[in-house]
Amino acid sequence: MLSNFPLSEHAVTEPWVSVEQVAEHLGVARDSIYRWIDRKHLPAHRVGRLWKFKLSEVDEWVRAGGADDATGSEAPAAAP
């Protein structure tokens, strides 16, 4: 019987979330999420035609500076 085993941190799996949910979580536009997947290696997993994410991976990426303007291969803004 499973009730004899204590629940561990790994017993409950983290849900997969959508692009829309990640955008809302980070307070950015959906387009930013797609751009960060392509240019800044935002941790994302392709499931068929959909992108899915673990918020813990996204948060870790943000804390490590993944969303910083100085990282990735974003083209610099054109001078006026």
N, C-alpha and C. Protein backbone atom coordinates (compact mmCIF):
# COMPACT_ATOMS: atom_id res chain seq x y z
N MET A 1 0.84 -1.19 0.00
CA MET A 1 0.00 0.00 0.00
C MET A 1 0.88 1.24 0.00
N LEU A 2 0.61 2.22 -0.85
CA LEU A 2 1.43 3.40 -0.99
C LEU A 2 1.39 4.31 0.23
N SER A 3 0.37 4.24 1.05
CA SER A 3 0.28 5.13 2.20
C SER A 3 1.38 4.89 3.22
N ASN A 4 2.09 3.77 3.14
CA ASN A 4 3.19 3.49 4.06
C ASN A 4 4.46 4.23 3.68
N PHE A 5 4.51 4.78 2.48
CA PHE A 5 5.69 5.47 2.01
C PHE A 5 5.49 6.98 2.15
N PRO A 6 6.48 7.67 2.74
CA PRO A 6 6.33 9.13 2.83
C PRO A 6 6.45 9.76 1.45
N LEU A 7 5.69 10.83 1.24
CA LEU A 7 5.78 11.53 -0.03
C LEU A 7 7.08 12.30 -0.08
N SER A 8 7.81 12.14 -1.13
CA SER A 8 9.05 12.88 -1.30
C SER A 8 8.81 14.02 -2.27
N GLU A 9 9.78 14.86 -2.39
CA GLU A 9 9.71 15.97 -3.33
C GLU A 9 9.53 15.47 -4.75
N HIS A 10 10.08 14.30 -5.06
CA HIS A 10 10.01 13.75 -6.41
C HIS A 10 8.72 12.98 -6.68
N ALA A 11 7.93 12.74 -5.64
CA ALA A 11 6.71 11.96 -5.81
C ALA A 11 5.65 12.77 -6.57
N VAL A 12 5.68 14.08 -6.43
CA VAL A 12 4.73 14.94 -7.11
C VAL A 12 5.46 15.60 -8.27
N THR A 13 5.00 15.33 -9.47
CA THR A 13 5.70 15.88 -10.63
C THR A 13 5.19 17.28 -10.94
N GLU A 14 6.09 18.10 -11.41
CA GLU A 14 5.77 19.47 -11.80
C GLU A 14 5.00 19.44 -13.11
N PRO A 15 3.93 20.21 -13.21
CA PRO A 15 3.15 20.18 -14.46
C PRO A 15 3.88 20.91 -15.59
N TRP A 16 3.58 20.51 -16.82
CA TRP A 16 4.06 21.21 -18.00
C TRP A 16 3.15 22.41 -18.22
N VAL A 17 3.72 23.53 -18.65
CA VAL A 17 2.91 24.72 -18.91
C VAL A 17 3.14 25.19 -20.34
N SER A 18 2.24 26.03 -20.82
CA SER A 18 2.25 26.50 -22.20
C SER A 18 3.03 27.81 -22.35
N VAL A 19 3.21 28.21 -23.60
CA VAL A 19 3.85 29.50 -23.91
C VAL A 19 3.09 30.63 -23.23
N GLU A 20 1.76 30.59 -23.32
CA GLU A 20 0.94 31.64 -22.73
C GLU A 20 1.16 31.72 -21.22
N GLN A 21 1.24 30.57 -20.56
CA GLN A 21 1.44 30.55 -19.12
C GLN A 21 2.82 31.06 -18.72
N VAL A 22 3.84 30.74 -19.50
CA VAL A 22 5.20 31.23 -19.22
C VAL A 22 5.24 32.74 -19.43
N ALA A 23 4.63 33.22 -20.50
CA ALA A 23 4.59 34.65 -20.77
C ALA A 23 3.92 35.39 -19.62
N GLU A 24 2.81 34.86 -19.14
CA GLU A 24 2.10 35.48 -18.02
C GLU A 24 2.96 35.42 -16.75
N HIS A 25 3.61 34.29 -16.50
CA HIS A 25 4.46 34.10 -15.33
C HIS A 25 5.59 35.13 -15.30
N LEU A 26 6.18 35.41 -16.48
CA LEU A 26 7.30 36.33 -16.56
C LEU A 26 6.88 37.78 -16.85
N GLY A 27 5.60 37.97 -17.19
CA GLY A 27 5.11 39.31 -17.47
C GLY A 27 5.64 39.87 -18.79
N VAL A 28 5.76 39.00 -19.79
CA VAL A 28 6.23 39.42 -21.12
C VAL A 28 5.25 38.94 -22.18
N ALA A 29 5.48 39.38 -23.40
CA ALA A 29 4.63 38.98 -24.52
C ALA A 29 4.99 37.57 -25.01
N ARG A 30 4.03 36.88 -25.61
CA ARG A 30 4.29 35.54 -26.18
C ARG A 30 5.43 35.59 -27.19
N ASP A 31 5.49 36.66 -27.98
CA ASP A 31 6.56 36.78 -28.98
C ASP A 31 7.94 36.75 -28.33
N SER A 32 8.06 37.32 -27.14
CA SER A 32 9.35 37.29 -26.42
C SER A 32 9.74 35.87 -26.08
N ILE A 33 8.76 35.07 -25.69
CA ILE A 33 9.05 33.67 -25.33
C ILE A 33 9.59 32.92 -26.54
N TYR A 34 8.93 33.05 -27.69
CA TYR A 34 9.40 32.38 -28.90
C TYR A 34 10.80 32.87 -29.30
N ARG A 35 11.03 34.17 -29.18
CA ARG A 35 12.34 34.74 -29.52
C ARG A 35 13.41 34.20 -28.58
N TRP A 36 13.10 34.11 -27.28
CA TRP A 36 14.07 33.61 -26.31
C TRP A 36 14.37 32.12 -26.52
N ILE A 37 13.38 31.35 -26.94
CA ILE A 37 13.64 29.94 -27.27
C ILE A 37 14.67 29.87 -28.39
N ASP A 38 14.46 30.68 -29.41
CA ASP A 38 15.31 30.65 -30.61
C ASP A 38 16.69 31.26 -30.38
N ARG A 39 16.74 32.41 -29.71
CA ARG A 39 17.99 33.17 -29.63
C ARG A 39 18.74 33.06 -28.31
N LYS A 40 18.02 32.74 -27.23
CA LYS A 40 18.65 32.77 -25.91
C LYS A 40 18.57 31.43 -25.18
N HIS A 41 18.15 30.42 -25.88
CA HIS A 41 18.11 29.06 -25.33
C HIS A 41 17.25 28.93 -24.08
N LEU A 42 16.09 29.59 -24.10
CA LEU A 42 15.12 29.39 -23.03
C LEU A 42 14.79 27.91 -22.97
N PRO A 43 14.87 27.28 -21.79
CA PRO A 43 14.60 25.84 -21.72
C PRO A 43 13.14 25.52 -22.06
N ALA A 44 12.97 24.83 -23.18
CA ALA A 44 11.64 24.49 -23.67
C ALA A 44 11.70 23.11 -24.31
N HIS A 45 10.58 22.44 -24.32
CA HIS A 45 10.49 21.08 -24.86
C HIS A 45 9.38 21.06 -25.90
N ARG A 46 9.69 20.55 -27.07
CA ARG A 46 8.71 20.47 -28.15
C ARG A 46 7.87 19.22 -27.97
N VAL A 47 6.56 19.37 -27.94
CA VAL A 47 5.62 18.26 -27.86
C VAL A 47 4.70 18.40 -29.07
N GLY A 48 5.03 17.65 -30.11
CA GLY A 48 4.30 17.83 -31.37
C GLY A 48 4.58 19.22 -31.91
N ARG A 49 3.53 20.00 -32.11
CA ARG A 49 3.68 21.37 -32.60
C ARG A 49 3.73 22.39 -31.47
N LEU A 50 3.59 21.94 -30.24
CA LEU A 50 3.52 22.84 -29.09
C LEU A 50 4.83 22.91 -28.33
N TRP A 51 5.11 24.05 -27.73
CA TRP A 51 6.23 24.19 -26.80
C TRP A 51 5.69 24.04 -25.39
N LYS A 52 6.39 23.28 -24.57
CA LYS A 52 6.00 23.09 -23.17
C LYS A 52 7.20 23.41 -22.29
N PHE A 53 6.91 23.83 -21.07
CA PHE A 53 7.94 24.31 -20.16
C PHE A 53 7.69 23.80 -18.74
N LYS A 54 8.77 23.74 -17.98
CA LYS A 54 8.71 23.53 -16.53
C LYS A 54 9.07 24.89 -15.93
N LEU A 55 8.19 25.45 -15.11
CA LEU A 55 8.46 26.78 -14.56
C LEU A 55 9.74 26.80 -13.74
N SER A 56 10.09 25.69 -13.10
CA SER A 56 11.33 25.67 -12.32
C SER A 56 12.54 25.85 -13.23
N GLU A 57 12.51 25.26 -14.44
CA GLU A 57 13.61 25.42 -15.40
C GLU A 57 13.66 26.86 -15.92
N VAL A 58 12.49 27.43 -16.19
CA VAL A 58 12.42 28.81 -16.68
C VAL A 58 12.95 29.76 -15.61
N ASP A 59 12.53 29.58 -14.36
CA ASP A 59 12.99 30.44 -13.27
C ASP A 59 14.50 30.33 -13.08
N GLU A 60 15.03 29.13 -13.18
CA GLU A 60 16.48 28.92 -13.05
C GLU A 60 17.22 29.64 -14.19
N TRP A 61 16.68 29.57 -15.41
CA TRP A 61 17.27 30.24 -16.57
C TRP A 61 17.29 31.75 -16.35
N VAL A 62 16.19 32.30 -15.83
CA VAL A 62 16.12 33.74 -15.56
C VAL A 62 17.15 34.12 -14.50
N ARG A 63 17.21 33.35 -13.40
CA ARG A 63 18.17 33.65 -12.32
C ARG A 63 19.61 33.59 -12.81
N ALA A 64 19.89 32.72 -13.77
CA ALA A 64 21.24 32.57 -14.32
C ALA A 64 21.57 33.66 -15.34
N GLY A 65 20.63 34.56 -15.60
CA GLY A 65 20.87 35.66 -16.52
C GLY A 65 20.48 35.39 -17.95
N GLY A 66 19.73 34.34 -18.18
CA GLY A 66 19.33 33.98 -19.54
C GLY A 66 18.51 35.04 -20.25
N ALA A 67 17.76 35.83 -19.52
CA ALA A 67 16.92 36.85 -20.14
C ALA A 67 17.60 38.20 -20.21
N ASP A 68 18.84 38.29 -19.72
CA ASP A 68 19.56 39.57 -19.76
C ASP A 68 19.78 40.03 -21.20
N ASP A 69 19.76 41.32 -21.41
CA ASP A 69 19.98 41.87 -22.75
C ASP A 69 21.37 41.56 -23.27
N ALA A 70 22.35 41.41 -22.38
CA ALA A 70 23.73 41.20 -22.81
C ALA A 70 24.00 39.76 -23.24
N THR A 71 23.07 38.82 -22.97
CA THR A 71 23.30 37.42 -23.32
C THR A 71 22.62 37.09 -24.63
N GLY A 72 22.97 35.97 -25.20
CA GLY A 72 22.33 35.49 -26.42
C GLY A 72 22.87 36.21 -27.64
N SER A 73 22.23 35.99 -28.75
CA SER A 73 22.71 36.57 -30.00
C SER A 73 21.78 37.62 -30.55
N GLU A 74 21.15 38.37 -29.67
CA GLU A 74 20.27 39.44 -30.11
C GLU A 74 21.09 40.46 -30.87
N ALA A 75 20.58 40.92 -31.97
CA ALA A 75 21.27 41.96 -32.74
C ALA A 75 21.17 43.27 -31.99
N PRO A 76 22.24 44.07 -31.96
CA PRO A 76 22.16 45.37 -31.28
C PRO A 76 21.20 46.29 -32.01
N ALA A 77 20.62 47.21 -31.26
CA ALA A 77 19.68 48.15 -31.85
C ALA A 77 20.43 49.08 -32.80
N ALA A 78 19.77 49.47 -33.86
CA ALA A 78 20.38 50.36 -34.83
C ALA A 78 20.55 51.76 -34.23
N ALA A 79 21.65 52.39 -34.54
CA ALA A 79 21.91 53.73 -34.04
C ALA A 79 21.03 54.72 -34.79
N PRO A 80 20.57 55.79 -34.10
CA PRO A 80 19.72 56.78 -34.77
C PRO A 80 20.46 57.61 -35.77
